[in-house]
């Protein structure tokens, strides 16, 4: 199959992509300068740090115009409009970059990953305390085997944070959505990356969290000397066309000869763009790992945390 990009995440797709789609419509009548100032402004007020969790606010049904009245993990939606999800291949790098930027934390993680990983992953937010040691043992075996946890296993560490904080969340959200879902995994690396702004700037894994936004916003505040290759421009145009096409009629590839199609969410699957051919189920093992963990161990919900 010849798609361009394909797959999913909880934070980026729910917030950033939703914001982009609405901004394109809302600011269509504004001049470009006003719009370009908006994107870098978020970096002034939002400083991501390792261990930060974002949980939705569940409102009582009696509230005036409640938006969310049930834990989304328990909800099943039946919408009549399509949903487009895009994630960055190395989304978890947003956490790992800050770990590498704190030498004491990096050393502590390398010396005692069984102690530090549960804290960095905030496993107690989801799992019962008695189960966490066994879960951590399985994480270390699955992602690292006999290898150390640190810079020498950067890709494994980024995969772990990407899977736990991003990919599995989008998988669950997409499965529960109930409507037509297209899920795409963005893998193109622009000439600049937010890795250079996080931690000590040494993280190599990309595209990292928010990097896909560089196709839409130049962010000259953070990248004043940014230049564009011919490929950068080609991919940027494709992404803009995809979003405009999706906004107009729910089809992200109306303008392209390479067609995306809604995902078959009957099994764990994720798709990766590869110049520009599609590789199917490239991390299905990783998604299945977390599916098994959550099926075997008791998990908390936002509305019922008394099970432990």
C-alpha atoms as a PDB file:
ATOM      1  CA  UNK A   1       0.000   0.000   0.000  1.00  0.00           C
ATOM      2  CA  UNK A   2       1.289   3.471  -0.853  1.00  0.00           C
ATOM      3  CA  UNK A   3       0.324   5.828   1.923  1.00  0.00           C
ATOM      4  CA  UNK A   4       2.579   8.607   3.160  1.00  0.00           C
ATOM      5  CA  UNK A   5       2.330   8.677   6.919  1.00  0.00           C
ATOM      6  CA  UNK A   6       0.364   6.713   9.375  1.00  0.00           C
ATOM      7  CA  UNK A   7      -0.507   6.447  13.072  1.00  0.00           C
ATOM      8  CA  UNK A   8      -1.334   7.789  16.534  1.00  0.00           C
ATOM      9  CA  UNK A   9      -0.903   9.758  20.096  1.00  0.00           C
ATOM     10  CA  UNK A  10      -2.841  10.999  23.070  1.00  0.00           C
ATOM     11  CA  UNK A  11      -1.247  14.366  23.781  1.00  0.00           C
ATOM     12  CA  UNK A  12      -0.297  15.575  20.301  1.00  0.00           C
ATOM     13  CA  UNK A  13      -3.363  14.472  18.398  1.00  0.00           C
ATOM     14  CA  UNK A  14      -5.898  15.517  21.018  1.00  0.00           C
ATOM     15  CA  UNK A  15      -4.416  18.934  21.644  1.00  0.00           C
ATOM     16  CA  UNK A  16      -1.872  20.142  19.105  1.00  0.00           C
ATOM     17  CA  UNK A  17      -3.502  18.783  15.957  1.00  0.00           C
ATOM     18  CA  UNK A  18      -6.953  19.832  17.128  1.00  0.00           C
ATOM     19  CA  UNK A  19      -5.561  23.308  17.772  1.00  0.00           C
ATOM     20  CA  UNK A  20      -3.907  23.433  14.345  1.00  0.00           C
ATOM     21  CA  UNK A  21      -7.084  22.475  12.530  1.00  0.00           C
ATOM     22  CA  UNK A  22      -9.071  25.117  14.372  1.00  0.00           C
ATOM     23  CA  UNK A  23      -6.387  27.756  14.038  1.00  0.00           C
ATOM     24  CA  UNK A  24      -6.216  27.337  10.284  1.00  0.00           C
ATOM     25  CA  UNK A  25      -9.926  28.043  10.097  1.00  0.00           C
ATOM     26  CA  UNK A  26     -10.117  30.667  12.855  1.00  0.00           C
ATOM     27  CA  UNK A  27      -7.116  32.698  11.732  1.00  0.00           C
ATOM     28  CA  UNK A  28      -7.689  32.368   8.006  1.00  0.00           C
ATOM     29  CA  UNK A  29      -8.675  36.034   7.898  1.00  0.00           C
ATOM     30  CA  UNK A  30      -5.732  37.231   9.982  1.00  0.00           C
ATOM     31  CA  UNK A  31      -2.417  38.324   8.557  1.00  0.00           C
ATOM     32  CA  UNK A  32       0.390  35.761   8.581  1.00  0.00           C
ATOM     33  CA  UNK A  33       2.468  37.701  11.114  1.00  0.00           C
ATOM     34  CA  UNK A  34      -0.195  37.339  13.814  1.00  0.00           C
ATOM     35  CA  UNK A  35      -0.464  33.610  13.212  1.00  0.00           C
ATOM     36  CA  UNK A  36       3.290  33.044  13.199  1.00  0.00           C
ATOM     37  CA  UNK A  37       3.622  34.723  16.595  1.00  0.00           C
ATOM     38  CA  UNK A  38       1.128  32.365  18.159  1.00  0.00           C
ATOM     39  CA  UNK A  39       3.090  29.117  17.841  1.00  0.00           C
ATOM     40  CA  UNK A  40       6.387  30.141  19.524  1.00  0.00           C
ATOM     41  CA  UNK A  41       4.405  31.854  22.276  1.00  0.00           C
ATOM     42  CA  UNK A  42       3.405  28.485  23.703  1.00  0.00           C
ATOM     43  CA  UNK A  43       7.063  27.794  24.512  1.00  0.00           C
ATOM     44  CA  UNK A  44       7.095  30.823  26.793  1.00  0.00           C
ATOM     45  CA  UNK A  45       4.294  29.513  28.984  1.00  0.00           C
ATOM     46  CA  UNK A  46       4.646  25.736  28.655  1.00  0.00           C
ATOM     47  CA  UNK A  47       7.935  24.299  29.864  1.00  0.00           C
ATOM     48  CA  UNK A  48       7.612  20.499  29.625  1.00  0.00           C
ATOM     49  CA  UNK A  49       9.314  18.549  32.395  1.00  0.00           C
ATOM     50  CA  UNK A  50       9.832  14.870  32.983  1.00  0.00           C
ATOM     51  CA  UNK A  51       6.949  13.329  34.875  1.00  0.00           C
ATOM     52  CA  UNK A  52       4.339  15.953  33.982  1.00  0.00           C
ATOM     53  CA  UNK A  53       0.910  14.386  33.565  1.00  0.00           C
ATOM     54  CA  UNK A  54      -2.092  15.890  31.845  1.00  0.00           C
ATOM     55  CA  UNK A  55      -5.408  14.415  32.883  1.00  0.00           C
ATOM     56  CA  UNK A  56      -8.827  15.544  31.636  1.00  0.00           C
ATOM     57  CA  UNK A  57     -11.258  17.235  33.980  1.00  0.00           C
ATOM     58  CA  UNK A  58     -14.387  15.149  34.516  1.00  0.00           C
ATOM     59  CA  UNK A  59     -17.400  17.344  35.223  1.00  0.00           C
ATOM     60  CA  UNK A  60     -20.651  16.392  36.951  1.00  0.00           C
ATOM     61  CA  UNK A  61     -23.546  15.918  34.570  1.00  0.00           C
ATOM     62  CA  UNK A  62     -25.345  18.632  36.548  1.00  0.00           C
ATOM     63  CA  UNK A  63     -22.716  21.220  35.541  1.00  0.00           C
ATOM     64  CA  UNK A  64     -23.726  23.881  33.036  1.00  0.00           C
ATOM     65  CA  UNK A  65     -22.784  22.552  29.581  1.00  0.00           C
ATOM     66  CA  UNK A  66     -20.429  19.789  30.809  1.00  0.00           C
ATOM     67  CA  UNK A  67     -17.809  18.752  28.256  1.00  0.00           C
ATOM     68  CA  UNK A  68     -16.628  15.423  29.690  1.00  0.00           C
ATOM     69  CA  UNK A  69     -18.702  13.533  32.255  1.00  0.00           C
ATOM     70  CA  UNK A  70     -16.995  10.122  32.166  1.00  0.00           C
ATOM     71  CA  UNK A  71     -13.434   8.829  32.247  1.00  0.00           C
ATOM     72  CA  UNK A  72     -12.435   8.699  28.544  1.00  0.00           C
ATOM     73  CA  UNK A  73     -10.879   5.272  29.143  1.00  0.00           C
ATOM     74  CA  UNK A  74     -14.372   4.014  29.932  1.00  0.00           C
ATOM     75  CA  UNK A  75     -16.260   5.997  27.311  1.00  0.00           C
ATOM     76  CA  UNK A  76     -17.381   4.819  23.898  1.00  0.00           C
ATOM     77  CA  UNK A  77     -18.096   7.581  21.413  1.00  0.00           C
ATOM     78  CA  UNK A  78     -20.418   7.398  18.420  1.00  0.00           C
ATOM     79  CA  UNK A  79     -19.613  10.530  16.428  1.00  0.00           C
ATOM     80  CA  UNK A  80     -20.660  11.184  12.858  1.00  0.00           C
ATOM     81  CA  UNK A  81     -17.463  12.955  11.785  1.00  0.00           C
ATOM     82  CA  UNK A  82     -13.974  11.582  10.984  1.00  0.00           C
ATOM     83  CA  UNK A  83     -10.935  11.978  13.216  1.00  0.00           C
ATOM     84  CA  UNK A  84      -7.344  12.478  12.022  1.00  0.00           C
ATOM     85  CA  UNK A  85      -4.430  11.571  14.309  1.00  0.00           C
ATOM     86  CA  UNK A  86      -0.752  12.274  13.677  1.00  0.00           C
ATOM     87  CA  UNK A  87       2.151  11.479  15.992  1.00  0.00           C
ATOM     88  CA  UNK A  88       5.881  11.980  15.831  1.00  0.00           C
ATOM     89  CA  UNK A  89       7.971   8.805  15.618  1.00  0.00           C
ATOM     90  CA  UNK A  90      10.098   9.847  18.609  1.00  0.00           C
ATOM     91  CA  UNK A  91       7.480  11.715  20.652  1.00  0.00           C
ATOM     92  CA  UNK A  92       8.911  10.294  23.881  1.00  0.00           C
ATOM     93  CA  UNK A  93      12.115  12.206  23.255  1.00  0.00           C
ATOM     94  CA  UNK A  94      10.491  15.202  24.941  1.00  0.00           C
ATOM     95  CA  UNK A  95      10.985  13.358  28.248  1.00  0.00           C
ATOM     96  CA  UNK A  96      14.317  11.707  27.504  1.00  0.00           C
ATOM     97  CA  UNK A  97      15.900  15.007  26.448  1.00  0.00           C
ATOM     98  CA  UNK A  98      15.305  16.465  29.893  1.00  0.00           C
ATOM     99  CA  UNK A  99      16.679  13.338  31.567  1.00  0.00           C
ATOM    100  CA  UNK A 100      19.894  13.733  29.569  1.00  0.00           C
ATOM    101  CA  UNK A 101      19.943  17.412  30.542  1.00  0.00           C
ATOM    102  CA  UNK A 102      20.145  16.524  34.249  1.00  0.00           C
ATOM    103  CA  UNK A 103      23.409  14.612  34.906  1.00  0.00           C
ATOM    104  CA  UNK A 104      22.407  13.555  38.428  1.00  0.00           C
ATOM    105  CA  UNK A 105      19.102  12.150  37.209  1.00  0.00           C
ATOM    106  CA  UNK A 106      20.743  10.457  34.244  1.00  0.00           C
ATOM    107  CA  UNK A 107      23.315   8.794  36.523  1.00  0.00           C
ATOM    108  CA  UNK A 108      20.664   7.728  39.008  1.00  0.00           C
ATOM    109  CA  UNK A 109      18.615   6.161  36.215  1.00  0.00           C
ATOM    110  CA  UNK A 110      21.643   4.256  34.938  1.00  0.00           C
ATOM    111  CA  UNK A 111      22.571   3.036  38.417  1.00  0.00           C
ATOM    112  CA  UNK A 112      19.114   2.041  39.616  1.00  0.00           C
ATOM    113  CA  UNK A 113      16.527   1.890  36.805  1.00  0.00           C
ATOM    114  CA  UNK A 114      14.162  -0.236  38.904  1.00  0.00           C
ATOM    115  CA  UNK A 115      13.886   2.635  41.367  1.00  0.00           C
ATOM    116  CA  UNK A 116      13.852   5.563  38.942  1.00  0.00           C
ATOM    117  CA  UNK A 117      11.783   4.349  35.982  1.00  0.00           C
ATOM    118  CA  UNK A 118       8.523   3.964  37.951  1.00  0.00           C
ATOM    119  CA  UNK A 119       8.857   7.592  39.039  1.00  0.00           C
ATOM    120  CA  UNK A 120       9.695   8.926  35.581  1.00  0.00           C
ATOM    121  CA  UNK A 121       6.835   6.969  34.032  1.00  0.00           C
ATOM    122  CA  UNK A 122       4.490   7.826  36.926  1.00  0.00           C
ATOM    123  CA  UNK A 123       3.381   4.193  36.984  1.00  0.00           C
ATOM    124  CA  UNK A 124       1.556   4.712  40.268  1.00  0.00           C
ATOM    125  CA  UNK A 125      -0.862   6.980  38.395  1.00  0.00           C
ATOM    126  CA  UNK A 126      -2.162   3.914  36.569  1.00  0.00           C
ATOM    127  CA  UNK A 127      -1.053   0.779  38.414  1.00  0.00           C
ATOM    128  CA  UNK A 128      -1.256  -0.528  41.959  1.00  0.00           C
ATOM    129  CA  UNK A 129       1.936  -0.199  44.014  1.00  0.00           C
ATOM    130  CA  UNK A 130       2.226  -3.951  44.642  1.00  0.00           C
ATOM    131  CA  UNK A 131       2.298  -4.655  40.905  1.00  0.00           C
ATOM    132  CA  UNK A 132       4.855  -2.018  39.902  1.00  0.00           C
ATOM    133  CA  UNK A 133       8.059  -4.015  40.659  1.00  0.00           C
ATOM    134  CA  UNK A 134       6.959  -6.843  38.335  1.00  0.00           C
ATOM    135  CA  UNK A 135       5.847  -4.369  35.666  1.00  0.00           C
ATOM    136  CA  UNK A 136       9.252  -2.639  35.796  1.00  0.00           C
ATOM    137  CA  UNK A 137      11.047  -5.982  35.473  1.00  0.00           C
ATOM    138  CA  UNK A 138       9.060  -6.722  32.335  1.00  0.00           C
ATOM    139  CA  UNK A 139       9.735  -3.246  30.936  1.00  0.00           C
ATOM    140  CA  UNK A 140      13.474  -3.658  31.394  1.00  0.00           C
ATOM    141  CA  UNK A 141      13.469  -7.105  29.826  1.00  0.00           C
ATOM    142  CA  UNK A 142      11.304  -6.101  26.870  1.00  0.00           C
ATOM    143  CA  UNK A 143      12.958  -2.792  25.972  1.00  0.00           C
ATOM    144  CA  UNK A 144      16.534  -3.256  27.137  1.00  0.00           C
ATOM    145  CA  UNK A 145      17.248  -6.955  27.620  1.00  0.00           C
ATOM    146  CA  UNK A 146      20.691  -7.140  29.201  1.00  0.00           C
ATOM    147  CA  UNK A 147      21.686  -3.649  28.037  1.00  0.00           C
ATOM    148  CA  UNK A 148      22.160  -0.665  30.376  1.00  0.00           C
ATOM    149  CA  UNK A 149      19.586   2.131  30.565  1.00  0.00           C
ATOM    150  CA  UNK A 150      21.057   5.414  29.382  1.00  0.00           C
ATOM    151  CA  UNK A 151      22.650   7.219  26.453  1.00  0.00           C
ATOM    152  CA  UNK A 152      23.956   4.020  24.887  1.00  0.00           C
ATOM    153  CA  UNK A 153      20.348   2.826  24.638  1.00  0.00           C
ATOM    154  CA  UNK A 154      18.814   6.165  23.702  1.00  0.00           C
ATOM    155  CA  UNK A 155      16.529   4.692  21.025  1.00  0.00           C
ATOM    156  CA  UNK A 156      15.138   2.064  23.430  1.00  0.00           C
ATOM    157  CA  UNK A 157      14.534   4.695  26.097  1.00  0.00           C
ATOM    158  CA  UNK A 158      12.760   6.978  23.618  1.00  0.00           C
ATOM    159  CA  UNK A 159      10.646   4.043  22.408  1.00  0.00           C
ATOM    160  CA  UNK A 160       9.613   3.299  25.988  1.00  0.00           C
ATOM    161  CA  UNK A 161       8.489   6.863  26.702  1.00  0.00           C
ATOM    162  CA  UNK A 162       6.858   7.171  23.269  1.00  0.00           C
ATOM    163  CA  UNK A 163       4.877   3.977  23.746  1.00  0.00           C
ATOM    164  CA  UNK A 164       3.757   4.596  27.310  1.00  0.00           C
ATOM    165  CA  UNK A 165       2.942   8.297  27.174  1.00  0.00           C
ATOM    166  CA  UNK A 166       1.844   8.628  23.552  1.00  0.00           C
ATOM    167  CA  UNK A 167       1.260   5.674  21.236  1.00  0.00           C
ATOM    168  CA  UNK A 168      -0.791   3.389  23.484  1.00  0.00           C
ATOM    169  CA  UNK A 169      -2.967   6.304  24.545  1.00  0.00           C
ATOM    170  CA  UNK A 170      -3.832   7.107  20.954  1.00  0.00           C
ATOM    171  CA  UNK A 171      -4.445   3.450  20.233  1.00  0.00           C
ATOM    172  CA  UNK A 172      -6.990   3.260  23.050  1.00  0.00           C
ATOM    173  CA  UNK A 173      -8.575   6.596  22.144  1.00  0.00           C
ATOM    174  CA  UNK A 174      -8.895   5.555  18.504  1.00  0.00           C
ATOM    175  CA  UNK A 175     -10.407   2.201  19.401  1.00  0.00           C
ATOM    176  CA  UNK A 176     -12.958   3.882  21.671  1.00  0.00           C
ATOM    177  CA  UNK A 177     -13.802   6.658  19.237  1.00  0.00           C
ATOM    178  CA  UNK A 178     -16.478   4.764  17.351  1.00  0.00           C
ATOM    179  CA  UNK A 179     -16.236   6.825  14.169  1.00  0.00           C
ATOM    180  CA  UNK A 180     -13.898   6.833  11.194  1.00  0.00           C
ATOM    181  CA  UNK A 181     -10.308   7.223  12.361  1.00  0.00           C
ATOM    182  CA  UNK A 182      -7.168   7.870  10.315  1.00  0.00           C
ATOM    183  CA  UNK A 183      -3.949   7.430  12.276  1.00  0.00           C
ATOM    184  CA  UNK A 184      -0.547   8.380  10.872  1.00  0.00           C
ATOM    185  CA  UNK A 185       2.990   8.244  12.225  1.00  0.00           C
ATOM    186  CA  UNK A 186       5.169  11.165  11.133  1.00  0.00           C
ATOM    187  CA  UNK A 187       8.827  10.252  10.576  1.00  0.00           C
ATOM    188  CA  UNK A 188      10.314  12.997   8.391  1.00  0.00           C
ATOM    189  CA  UNK A 189      13.049  15.049  10.071  1.00  0.00           C
ATOM    190  CA  UNK A 190      13.109  18.713   9.090  1.00  0.00           C
ATOM    191  CA  UNK A 191      16.391  20.644   9.058  1.00  0.00           C
ATOM    192  CA  UNK A 192      15.650  21.804  12.611  1.00  0.00           C
ATOM    193  CA  UNK A 193      14.243  19.891  15.582  1.00  0.00           C
ATOM    194  CA  UNK A 194      13.028  20.790  19.061  1.00  0.00           C
ATOM    195  CA  UNK A 195      15.636  18.375  20.406  1.00  0.00           C
ATOM    196  CA  UNK A 196      18.126  21.229  20.147  1.00  0.00           C
ATOM    197  CA  UNK A 197      16.097  23.275  22.654  1.00  0.00           C
ATOM    198  CA  UNK A 198      15.515  20.598  25.294  1.00  0.00           C
ATOM    199  CA  UNK A 199      17.848  19.321  27.973  1.00  0.00           C
ATOM    200  CA  UNK A 200      21.446  19.592  26.819  1.00  0.00           C
ATOM    201  CA  UNK A 201      20.429  19.504  23.157  1.00  0.00           C
ATOM    202  CA  UNK A 202      22.168  16.188  22.534  1.00  0.00           C
ATOM    203  CA  UNK A 203      19.194  13.908  21.850  1.00  0.00           C
ATOM    204  CA  UNK A 204      19.438  12.387  18.370  1.00  0.00           C
ATOM    205  CA  UNK A 205      16.082  10.603  18.122  1.00  0.00           C
ATOM    206  CA  UNK A 206      13.718  12.535  15.862  1.00  0.00           C
ATOM    207  CA  UNK A 207      11.203  13.696  14.880  1.00  0.00           C
ATOM    208  CA  UNK A 208      10.495  14.421  18.510  1.00  0.00           C
ATOM    209  CA  UNK A 209       7.424  15.864  20.210  1.00  0.00           C
ATOM    210  CA  UNK A 210       6.055  18.900  18.309  1.00  0.00           C
ATOM    211  CA  UNK A 211       8.492  18.492  15.389  1.00  0.00           C
ATOM    212  CA  UNK A 212       5.623  17.906  12.956  1.00  0.00           C
ATOM    213  CA  UNK A 213       4.428  21.449  13.755  1.00  0.00           C
ATOM    214  CA  UNK A 214       7.561  22.786  12.059  1.00  0.00           C
ATOM    215  CA  UNK A 215       5.885  21.928   8.773  1.00  0.00           C
ATOM    216  CA  UNK A 216       3.254  24.575   9.514  1.00  0.00           C
ATOM    217  CA  UNK A 217       5.102  27.248  11.518  1.00  0.00           C
ATOM    218  CA  UNK A 218       8.676  28.469  10.870  1.00  0.00           C
ATOM    219  CA  UNK A 219       9.149  29.377  14.575  1.00  0.00           C
ATOM    220  CA  UNK A 220      11.791  31.970  13.802  1.00  0.00           C
ATOM    221  CA  UNK A 221      12.039  32.863  17.473  1.00  0.00           C
ATOM    222  CA  UNK A 222      13.628  29.526  18.325  1.00  0.00           C
ATOM    223  CA  UNK A 223      15.205  28.935  14.899  1.00  0.00           C
ATOM    224  CA  UNK A 224      16.151  32.413  13.580  1.00  0.00           C
ATOM    225  CA  UNK A 225      18.604  31.017  11.009  1.00  0.00           C
ATOM    226  CA  UNK A 226      16.415  28.213   9.776  1.00  0.00           C
ATOM    227  CA  UNK A 227      16.912  27.148   6.177  1.00  0.00           C
ATOM    228  CA  UNK A 228      14.876  24.726   4.078  1.00  0.00           C
ATOM    229  CA  UNK A 229      15.971  21.895   1.837  1.00  0.00           C
ATOM    230  CA  UNK A 230      13.939  21.004  -1.221  1.00  0.00           C
ATOM    231  CA  UNK A 231      12.608  17.992   0.684  1.00  0.00           C
ATOM    232  CA  UNK A 232      11.646  20.162   3.682  1.00  0.00           C
ATOM    233  CA  UNK A 233       9.470  22.296   1.427  1.00  0.00           C
ATOM    234  CA  UNK A 234       7.948  19.263  -0.306  1.00  0.00           C
ATOM    235  CA  UNK A 235       6.929  17.621   2.973  1.00  0.00           C
ATOM    236  CA  UNK A 236       5.666  20.902   4.426  1.00  0.00           C
ATOM    237  CA  UNK A 237       3.415  21.469   1.409  1.00  0.00           C
ATOM    238  CA  UNK A 238       2.122  17.922   1.636  1.00  0.00           C
ATOM    239  CA  UNK A 239       1.236  18.286   5.329  1.00  0.00           C
ATOM    240  CA  UNK A 240      -0.538  21.609   4.792  1.00  0.00           C
ATOM    241  CA  UNK A 241      -2.489  20.155   1.861  1.00  0.00           C
ATOM    242  CA  UNK A 242      -3.396  17.116   3.953  1.00  0.00           C
ATOM    243  CA  UNK A 243      -4.870  19.200   6.770  1.00  0.00           C
ATOM    244  CA  UNK A 244      -6.710  21.559   4.429  1.00  0.00           C
ATOM    245  CA  UNK A 245      -8.103  18.574   2.560  1.00  0.00           C
ATOM    246  CA  UNK A 246      -9.180  16.913   5.800  1.00  0.00           C
ATOM    247  CA  UNK A 247     -10.874  20.076   7.051  1.00  0.00           C
ATOM    248  CA  UNK A 248     -12.809  20.450   3.803  1.00  0.00           C
ATOM    249  CA  UNK A 249     -14.214  16.945   3.450  1.00  0.00           C
ATOM    250  CA  UNK A 250     -12.543  14.524   5.852  1.00  0.00           C
ATOM    251  CA  UNK A 251     -10.146  13.189   3.209  1.00  0.00           C
ATOM    252  CA  UNK A 252      -6.502  14.090   4.023  1.00  0.00           C
ATOM    253  CA  UNK A 253      -5.147  13.151   0.571  1.00  0.00           C
ATOM    254  CA  UNK A 254      -7.554  14.702  -1.889  1.00  0.00           C
ATOM    255  CA  UNK A 255      -4.683  16.625  -3.510  1.00  0.00           C
ATOM    256  CA  UNK A 256      -2.204  13.729  -3.540  1.00  0.00           C
ATOM    257  CA  UNK A 257      -1.642  10.687  -5.730  1.00  0.00           C
ATOM    258  CA  UNK A 258      -0.613   8.789  -2.593  1.00  0.00           C
ATOM    259  CA  UNK A 259      -3.824   7.908  -0.776  1.00  0.00           C
ATOM    260  CA  UNK A 260      -4.265   7.470   2.967  1.00  0.00           C
ATOM    261  CA  UNK A 261      -7.092   5.310   4.185  1.00  0.00           C
ATOM    262  CA  UNK A 262      -8.846   4.957   7.544  1.00  0.00           C
ATOM    263  CA  UNK A 263      -7.142   2.494   9.843  1.00  0.00           C
ATOM    264  CA  UNK A 264      -8.453  -0.974  10.545  1.00  0.00           C
ATOM    265  CA  UNK A 265      -8.438  -0.804  14.339  1.00  0.00           C
ATOM    266  CA  UNK A 266      -9.302  -4.448  14.931  1.00  0.00           C
ATOM    267  CA  UNK A 267      -5.770  -5.209  16.125  1.00  0.00           C
ATOM    268  CA  UNK A 268      -2.673  -3.435  17.385  1.00  0.00           C
ATOM    269  CA  UNK A 269      -1.190  -1.704  14.382  1.00  0.00           C
ATOM    270  CA  UNK A 270       0.955   1.284  13.603  1.00  0.00           C
ATOM    271  CA  UNK A 271       2.216   2.594  10.296  1.00  0.00           C
ATOM    272  CA  UNK A 272       5.466   4.308   9.456  1.00  0.00           C
ATOM    273  CA  UNK A 273       6.262   6.488   6.489  1.00  0.00           C
ATOM    274  CA  UNK A 274       9.331   5.424   4.570  1.00  0.00           C
ATOM    275  CA  UNK A 275       9.938   7.780   1.638  1.00  0.00           C
ATOM    276  CA  UNK A 276       6.923   7.584   1.025  1.00  0.00           C
ATOM    277  CA  UNK A 277       5.987   3.912   1.170  1.00  0.00           C
ATOM    278  CA  UNK A 278       4.077   2.352   4.000  1.00  0.00           C
ATOM    279  CA  UNK A 279       5.497  -0.164   6.434  1.00  0.00           C
ATOM    280  CA  UNK A 280       2.647  -1.844   8.264  1.00  0.00           C
ATOM    281  CA  UNK A 281       2.579  -2.888  11.918  1.00  0.00           C
ATOM    282  CA  UNK A 282       6.163  -1.748  12.461  1.00  0.00           C
ATOM    283  CA  UNK A 283       5.766  -1.492  16.243  1.00  0.00           C
ATOM    284  CA  UNK A 284       2.850  -3.846  16.845  1.00  0.00           C
ATOM    285  CA  UNK A 285       4.982  -5.828  19.303  1.00  0.00           C
ATOM    286  CA  UNK A 286       5.425  -2.735  21.453  1.00  0.00           C
ATOM    287  CA  UNK A 287       1.701  -1.964  21.437  1.00  0.00           C
ATOM    288  CA  UNK A 288       0.916  -5.564  22.259  1.00  0.00           C
ATOM    289  CA  UNK A 289       3.339  -5.483  25.196  1.00  0.00           C
ATOM    290  CA  UNK A 290       1.390  -2.693  26.887  1.00  0.00           C
ATOM    291  CA  UNK A 291      -1.936  -4.233  25.962  1.00  0.00           C
ATOM    292  CA  UNK A 292      -0.839  -7.391  27.783  1.00  0.00           C
ATOM    293  CA  UNK A 293       0.430  -5.443  30.804  1.00  0.00           C
ATOM    294  CA  UNK A 294      -2.847  -3.559  31.164  1.00  0.00           C
ATOM    295  CA  UNK A 295      -4.870  -6.737  30.737  1.00  0.00           C
ATOM    296  CA  UNK A 296      -2.867  -8.669  33.323  1.00  0.00           C
ATOM    297  CA  UNK A 297      -2.457  -6.034  36.011  1.00  0.00           C
ATOM    298  CA  UNK A 298      -5.120  -3.977  37.702  1.00  0.00           C
ATOM    299  CA  UNK A 299      -5.326  -0.443  36.359  1.00  0.00           C
ATOM    300  CA  UNK A 300      -6.750   2.619  38.049  1.00  0.00           C
ATOM    301  CA  UNK A 301      -9.222   4.994  36.443  1.00  0.00           C
ATOM    302  CA  UNK A 302      -9.700   8.691  37.067  1.00  0.00           C
ATOM    303  CA  UNK A 303     -12.963   8.028  38.857  1.00  0.00           C
ATOM    304  CA  UNK A 304     -12.061   4.846  40.743  1.00  0.00           C
ATOM    305  CA  UNK A 305      -8.598   4.723  42.311  1.00  0.00           C
ATOM    306  CA  UNK A 306      -9.590   2.592  45.313  1.00  0.00           C
ATOM    307  CA  UNK A 307      -8.931  -0.796  43.700  1.00  0.00           C
ATOM    308  CA  UNK A 308      -5.434  -1.197  45.176  1.00  0.00           C
END
